[in-house]
Protein backbone atom coordinates (compact mmCIF):
# COMPACT_ATOMS: atom_id res chain seq x y z
CA MET A 1 196.07 -0.72 98.69
CA HIS A 2 198.44 2.22 99.06
CA GLN A 3 202.13 1.49 98.62
CA TRP A 4 204.86 3.75 99.97
CA PRO A 5 208.38 4.19 98.50
CA PHE A 6 210.02 1.93 101.10
CA SER A 7 207.13 -0.47 101.74
CA TRP A 8 209.40 -3.36 100.78
CA LEU A 9 211.22 -2.78 104.07
CA THR A 10 208.11 -3.67 106.09
CA THR A 11 205.56 -6.47 106.22
CA VAL A 12 202.94 -6.51 103.45
CA ASP A 13 199.93 -4.33 104.27
CA VAL A 14 196.74 -6.33 103.67
CA SER A 15 194.27 -3.99 105.39
CA ARG A 16 191.93 -1.38 104.03
CA ASP A 17 193.22 1.36 106.32
CA GLY A 18 196.80 0.38 107.10
CA TYR A 19 198.10 3.12 104.84
CA ARG A 20 197.10 5.66 107.47
CA ALA A 21 199.59 4.31 109.99
CA GLU A 22 202.23 3.96 107.28
CA ALA A 23 201.74 7.58 106.25
CA LEU A 24 202.49 8.70 109.81
CA PHE A 25 205.44 6.31 110.06
CA TRP A 26 207.13 7.45 106.85
CA TYR A 27 206.42 11.13 107.52
CA THR A 28 207.95 10.82 110.99
CA THR A 29 210.93 8.90 109.61
CA LEU A 30 211.53 11.47 106.86
CA MET A 31 211.32 14.43 109.24
CA CYS A 32 213.69 12.76 111.72
CA VAL A 33 216.18 11.97 108.94
CA ILE A 34 216.11 15.60 107.79
CA ALA A 35 216.51 16.88 111.36
CA PHE A 36 219.37 14.46 111.97
CA ALA A 37 221.11 15.54 108.76
CA LEU A 38 220.80 19.23 109.69
CA VAL A 39 222.14 18.67 113.20
CA THR A 40 225.02 16.55 111.87
CA PHE A 41 225.87 19.26 109.32
CA ALA A 42 225.81 21.93 112.03
CA LEU A 43 228.11 19.88 114.26
CA VAL A 44 230.59 19.14 111.47
CA TYR A 45 230.55 22.74 110.22
CA SER A 46 230.99 24.14 113.74
CA SER A 47 233.82 21.70 114.47
CA TRP A 48 235.61 22.86 111.31
CA LYS A 49 234.94 26.58 111.62
CA TYR A 50 235.84 26.83 115.30
CA ARG A 51 238.78 24.43 115.20
CA ALA A 52 241.98 25.33 117.03
CA ARG A 53 244.18 27.55 114.86
CA PRO A 54 247.40 29.44 115.56
CA GLY A 55 246.82 33.08 116.47
CA VAL A 56 243.08 32.65 117.08
CA LYS A 57 241.95 33.12 120.66
CA ALA A 58 239.37 30.66 121.91
CA LEU A 59 235.95 32.00 122.88
CA TYR A 60 234.23 30.31 125.81
CA THR A 61 230.48 30.70 126.29
CA HIS A 62 227.82 29.01 128.40
CA GLY A 63 225.06 29.87 125.93
CA THR A 64 223.14 31.85 128.51
CA ASP A 65 222.96 35.19 126.67
CA ARG A 66 219.76 36.45 125.06
CA LYS A 67 220.90 35.67 121.53
CA SER A 68 221.57 32.03 122.39
CA PHE A 69 218.19 31.72 124.12
CA ALA A 70 216.45 33.28 121.11
CA VAL A 71 218.14 30.99 118.58
CA THR A 72 217.40 27.91 120.70
CA GLY A 73 213.76 28.94 121.13
CA ILE A 74 213.27 29.56 117.41
CA LEU A 75 214.83 26.24 116.43
CA ALA A 76 212.78 24.35 119.02
CA ALA A 77 209.57 26.04 117.86
CA LEU A 78 210.40 25.24 114.23
CA VAL A 79 210.89 21.54 115.03
CA PHE A 80 207.73 21.48 117.15
CA VAL A 81 205.57 23.05 114.43
CA THR A 82 206.96 21.20 111.40
CA ILE A 83 207.15 17.74 112.98
CA ASP A 84 205.07 17.38 116.14
CA MET A 85 202.12 19.59 115.25
CA ASN A 86 201.87 18.11 111.77
CA LEU A 87 201.84 14.62 113.26
CA VAL A 88 199.05 15.67 115.61
CA ARG A 89 197.10 17.22 112.73
CA VAL A 90 197.34 14.14 110.50
CA SER A 91 196.74 11.63 113.29
CA GLN A 92 193.73 13.54 114.60
CA ALA A 93 192.21 13.53 111.12
CA ASP A 94 192.63 9.76 110.99
CA VAL A 95 191.22 9.36 114.50
CA LYS A 96 188.02 11.07 113.42
CA GLU A 97 187.84 9.26 110.09
CA TYR A 98 188.85 5.77 111.16
CA THR A 99 189.68 4.89 114.76
CA TYR A 100 186.35 5.85 116.33
CA ASN A 101 184.24 5.51 113.21
CA TRP A 102 183.06 2.06 114.24
CA PRO A 103 181.53 -0.08 111.48
CA VAL A 104 177.77 -0.42 111.90
CA SER A 105 176.85 -2.35 108.74
CA PRO A 106 174.86 -5.58 109.29
CA ASP A 107 177.67 -7.69 107.78
CA THR A 108 180.19 -6.61 110.45
CA VAL A 109 181.93 -9.55 112.11
CA LYS A 110 181.95 -9.11 115.91
CA ILE A 111 184.62 -10.81 118.01
CA GLU A 112 185.51 -10.70 121.69
CA VAL A 113 189.18 -11.12 122.56
CA MET A 114 190.41 -11.94 126.06
CA PRO A 115 194.22 -12.15 126.21
CA GLN A 116 195.90 -13.73 129.19
CA GLN A 117 199.38 -14.87 130.12
CA TRP A 118 200.19 -16.13 127.51
CA ALA A 119 197.41 -16.86 125.03
CA TRP A 120 194.64 -15.27 122.97
CA ASN A 121 191.07 -16.36 123.79
CA ILE A 122 188.71 -15.65 120.89
CA ARG A 123 184.88 -15.67 121.06
CA TYR A 124 182.19 -15.34 118.37
CA ALA A 125 178.50 -15.08 119.19
CA GLY A 126 176.65 -18.21 118.07
CA PRO A 127 173.37 -18.46 116.13
CA ASP A 128 171.50 -16.55 118.86
CA GLY A 129 173.68 -13.49 118.19
CA ILE A 130 174.34 -12.98 121.91
CA PHE A 131 177.76 -13.25 123.47
CA ASN A 132 178.59 -15.44 126.45
CA THR A 133 175.97 -18.09 125.84
CA ALA A 134 176.21 -21.83 125.29
CA ASP A 135 176.28 -21.66 121.48
CA ASP A 136 179.29 -19.29 121.23
CA VAL A 137 182.25 -20.32 119.07
CA VAL A 138 185.42 -20.14 121.17
CA THR A 139 188.96 -20.65 119.86
CA LEU A 140 192.44 -20.41 121.29
CA ASN A 141 195.17 -18.46 119.49
CA GLU A 142 193.23 -18.56 116.23
CA MET A 143 191.01 -15.86 114.74
CA ARG A 144 189.23 -16.37 111.44
CA VAL A 145 187.64 -13.53 109.48
CA PRO A 146 186.22 -13.14 105.97
CA VAL A 147 187.97 -10.99 103.41
CA GLY A 148 186.24 -7.73 102.51
CA ARG A 149 184.03 -7.43 105.61
CA PRO A 150 184.67 -5.12 108.57
CA VAL A 151 185.73 -6.85 111.79
CA MET A 152 184.88 -5.20 115.11
CA LEU A 153 186.79 -6.28 118.21
CA ASN A 154 185.99 -6.01 121.90
CA LEU A 155 189.10 -6.56 124.01
CA LYS A 156 189.44 -7.14 127.76
CA ALA A 157 192.48 -8.72 129.43
CA LYS A 158 192.14 -11.45 132.03
CA ASP A 159 195.20 -10.56 134.09
CA VAL A 160 197.63 -7.81 133.00
CA ILE A 161 197.78 -5.28 130.17
CA HIS A 162 198.33 -6.87 126.77
CA SER A 163 198.40 -5.27 123.32
CA PHE A 164 196.70 -6.87 120.31
CA TYR A 165 199.11 -6.44 117.41
CA ILE A 166 198.73 -7.61 113.80
CA PRO A 167 201.68 -6.19 111.82
CA ASN A 168 200.20 -6.87 108.39
CA PHE A 169 197.21 -4.68 109.29
CA ARG A 170 199.23 -1.88 110.91
CA LEU A 171 196.99 -2.36 113.93
CA LYS A 172 197.98 -2.27 117.59
CA HIS A 173 195.49 -1.84 120.42
CA ASP A 174 195.75 -2.31 124.19
CA ALA A 175 193.62 -4.81 126.08
CA ASN A 176 193.22 -3.87 129.73
CA PRO A 177 191.90 -5.82 132.72
CA GLY A 178 188.63 -4.50 134.09
CA TYR A 179 187.16 -2.71 131.09
CA VAL A 180 186.54 -3.18 127.38
CA THR A 181 188.49 -1.43 124.63
CA ARG A 182 187.44 -1.46 120.99
CA THR A 183 189.05 -1.41 117.59
CA TRP A 184 188.35 -2.67 114.08
CA PHE A 185 189.94 -3.61 110.77
CA GLN A 186 189.09 -4.91 107.33
CA ALA A 187 191.18 -7.34 105.26
CA VAL A 188 191.52 -6.87 101.51
CA GLN A 189 193.13 -10.20 100.68
CA PRO A 190 193.11 -13.72 102.13
CA GLY A 191 196.06 -15.34 103.89
CA ASN A 192 197.53 -16.35 107.23
CA PHE A 193 198.98 -13.60 109.41
CA GLU A 194 200.56 -13.38 112.85
CA ILE A 195 198.90 -12.01 115.97
CA ALA A 196 201.41 -10.81 118.55
CA CYS A 197 201.40 -9.08 121.92
CA SER A 198 203.30 -5.80 121.81
CA GLN A 199 203.05 -5.07 125.54
CA MET A 200 205.55 -6.73 127.86
CA CYS A 201 203.31 -9.00 129.92
CA GLY A 202 205.61 -11.39 131.76
CA TRP A 203 208.47 -13.85 131.33
CA ALA A 204 206.76 -15.79 128.50
CA HIS A 205 205.70 -12.67 126.58
CA TYR A 206 207.66 -13.89 123.55
CA GLN A 207 205.46 -17.00 123.35
CA MET A 208 202.20 -15.07 123.09
CA LYS A 209 201.42 -15.62 119.44
CA GLY A 210 198.28 -16.34 117.48
CA ASP A 211 197.10 -16.80 113.89
CA LEU A 212 194.79 -14.51 111.98
CA ILE A 213 193.32 -16.48 109.09
CA VAL A 214 191.60 -14.39 106.43
CA GLN A 215 189.33 -16.50 104.24
CA PRO A 216 187.04 -16.00 101.26
CA GLU A 217 183.44 -15.50 102.36
CA ALA A 218 182.30 -19.00 101.39
CA ASP A 219 185.18 -20.65 103.29
CA PHE A 220 184.54 -18.53 106.37
CA LYS A 221 180.82 -19.41 106.42
CA ARG A 222 181.66 -23.09 106.03
CA TRP A 223 184.11 -22.93 108.93
CA MET A 224 181.64 -21.03 111.11
CA THR A 225 178.89 -23.58 110.47
CA GLU A 226 181.19 -26.43 111.47
CA ALA A 227 182.49 -24.50 114.51
CA GLU A 228 178.94 -23.81 115.72
CA GLY A 229 178.17 -27.51 115.58
CA ASP A 230 181.34 -28.32 117.52
CA ALA A 231 180.50 -25.67 120.11
CA LYS A 232 177.14 -27.27 120.90
CA ARG A 233 178.75 -30.68 121.38
CA ARG A 234 181.61 -29.39 123.54
CA PHE A 235 179.68 -27.08 125.86
CA ASP A 236 179.65 -28.21 129.48
CA PRO A 237 177.22 -26.27 131.75
CA ALA A 238 179.29 -27.27 134.79
CA ASP A 239 182.43 -25.60 133.42
CA LYS A 240 181.98 -21.96 134.43
CA GLU A 241 185.35 -21.01 132.92
CA GLN A 242 183.82 -21.42 129.46
CA LEU A 243 181.64 -18.34 129.95
CA TRP A 244 184.38 -15.76 130.21
CA GLY A 245 182.74 -13.37 127.74
CA TRP A 246 180.72 -10.21 128.33
CA GLU A 247 177.78 -8.27 126.96
CA TRP A 248 178.86 -6.76 123.66
CA VAL A 249 180.04 -3.14 123.81
CA GLN A 250 179.39 -1.20 120.60
């Protein structure tokens, strides 16, 4: 895992690719601190240099002359190129390398997530490997994944826009009603981590929490075997609400 100079100020990063988001965060923070320091210096220096003094006539200007426009344009272009364009360059490189580079290995764990006010519905395909069938494993506010394997998510909201957020993985992705969005992650160490909604979704938004439990491979397989058995016993063909899933979108 990559560690940044001030990583102790944030939650522990336990993902394979979280360092990408942290790189953008710390670069943006550093550039903003430098820009703030320069602006503060300019304000203090100008306040001192152009302070009221006996015998010095005040000069009033609206900053509408060509020189003022030129200086403003140059400074704005400098900020745009050094901060904004660099952020675009780095983020676009990560988009190509990570965000849309979906895992396709056979060991990928596939999970459907349907958030609603105010809960996380989680669905795994059962032994038949097809989503939205009677043998699916369905949980509420609890997602379990194995350490070291890629996890691919399909997200579709039931009611309003929600945002699937796991701080320890530096991952945040919107879930929208009406169509499926996709994202993925990979854990590098086991543990229990919080799932939160980072999109204001109603008066009980603050209660919309879940648990992401990262387990060793053997523990995950044991849990999945037990959960598949429970799913068969609990399934009620008359309860249509149980089949809220959809055909997997790769």
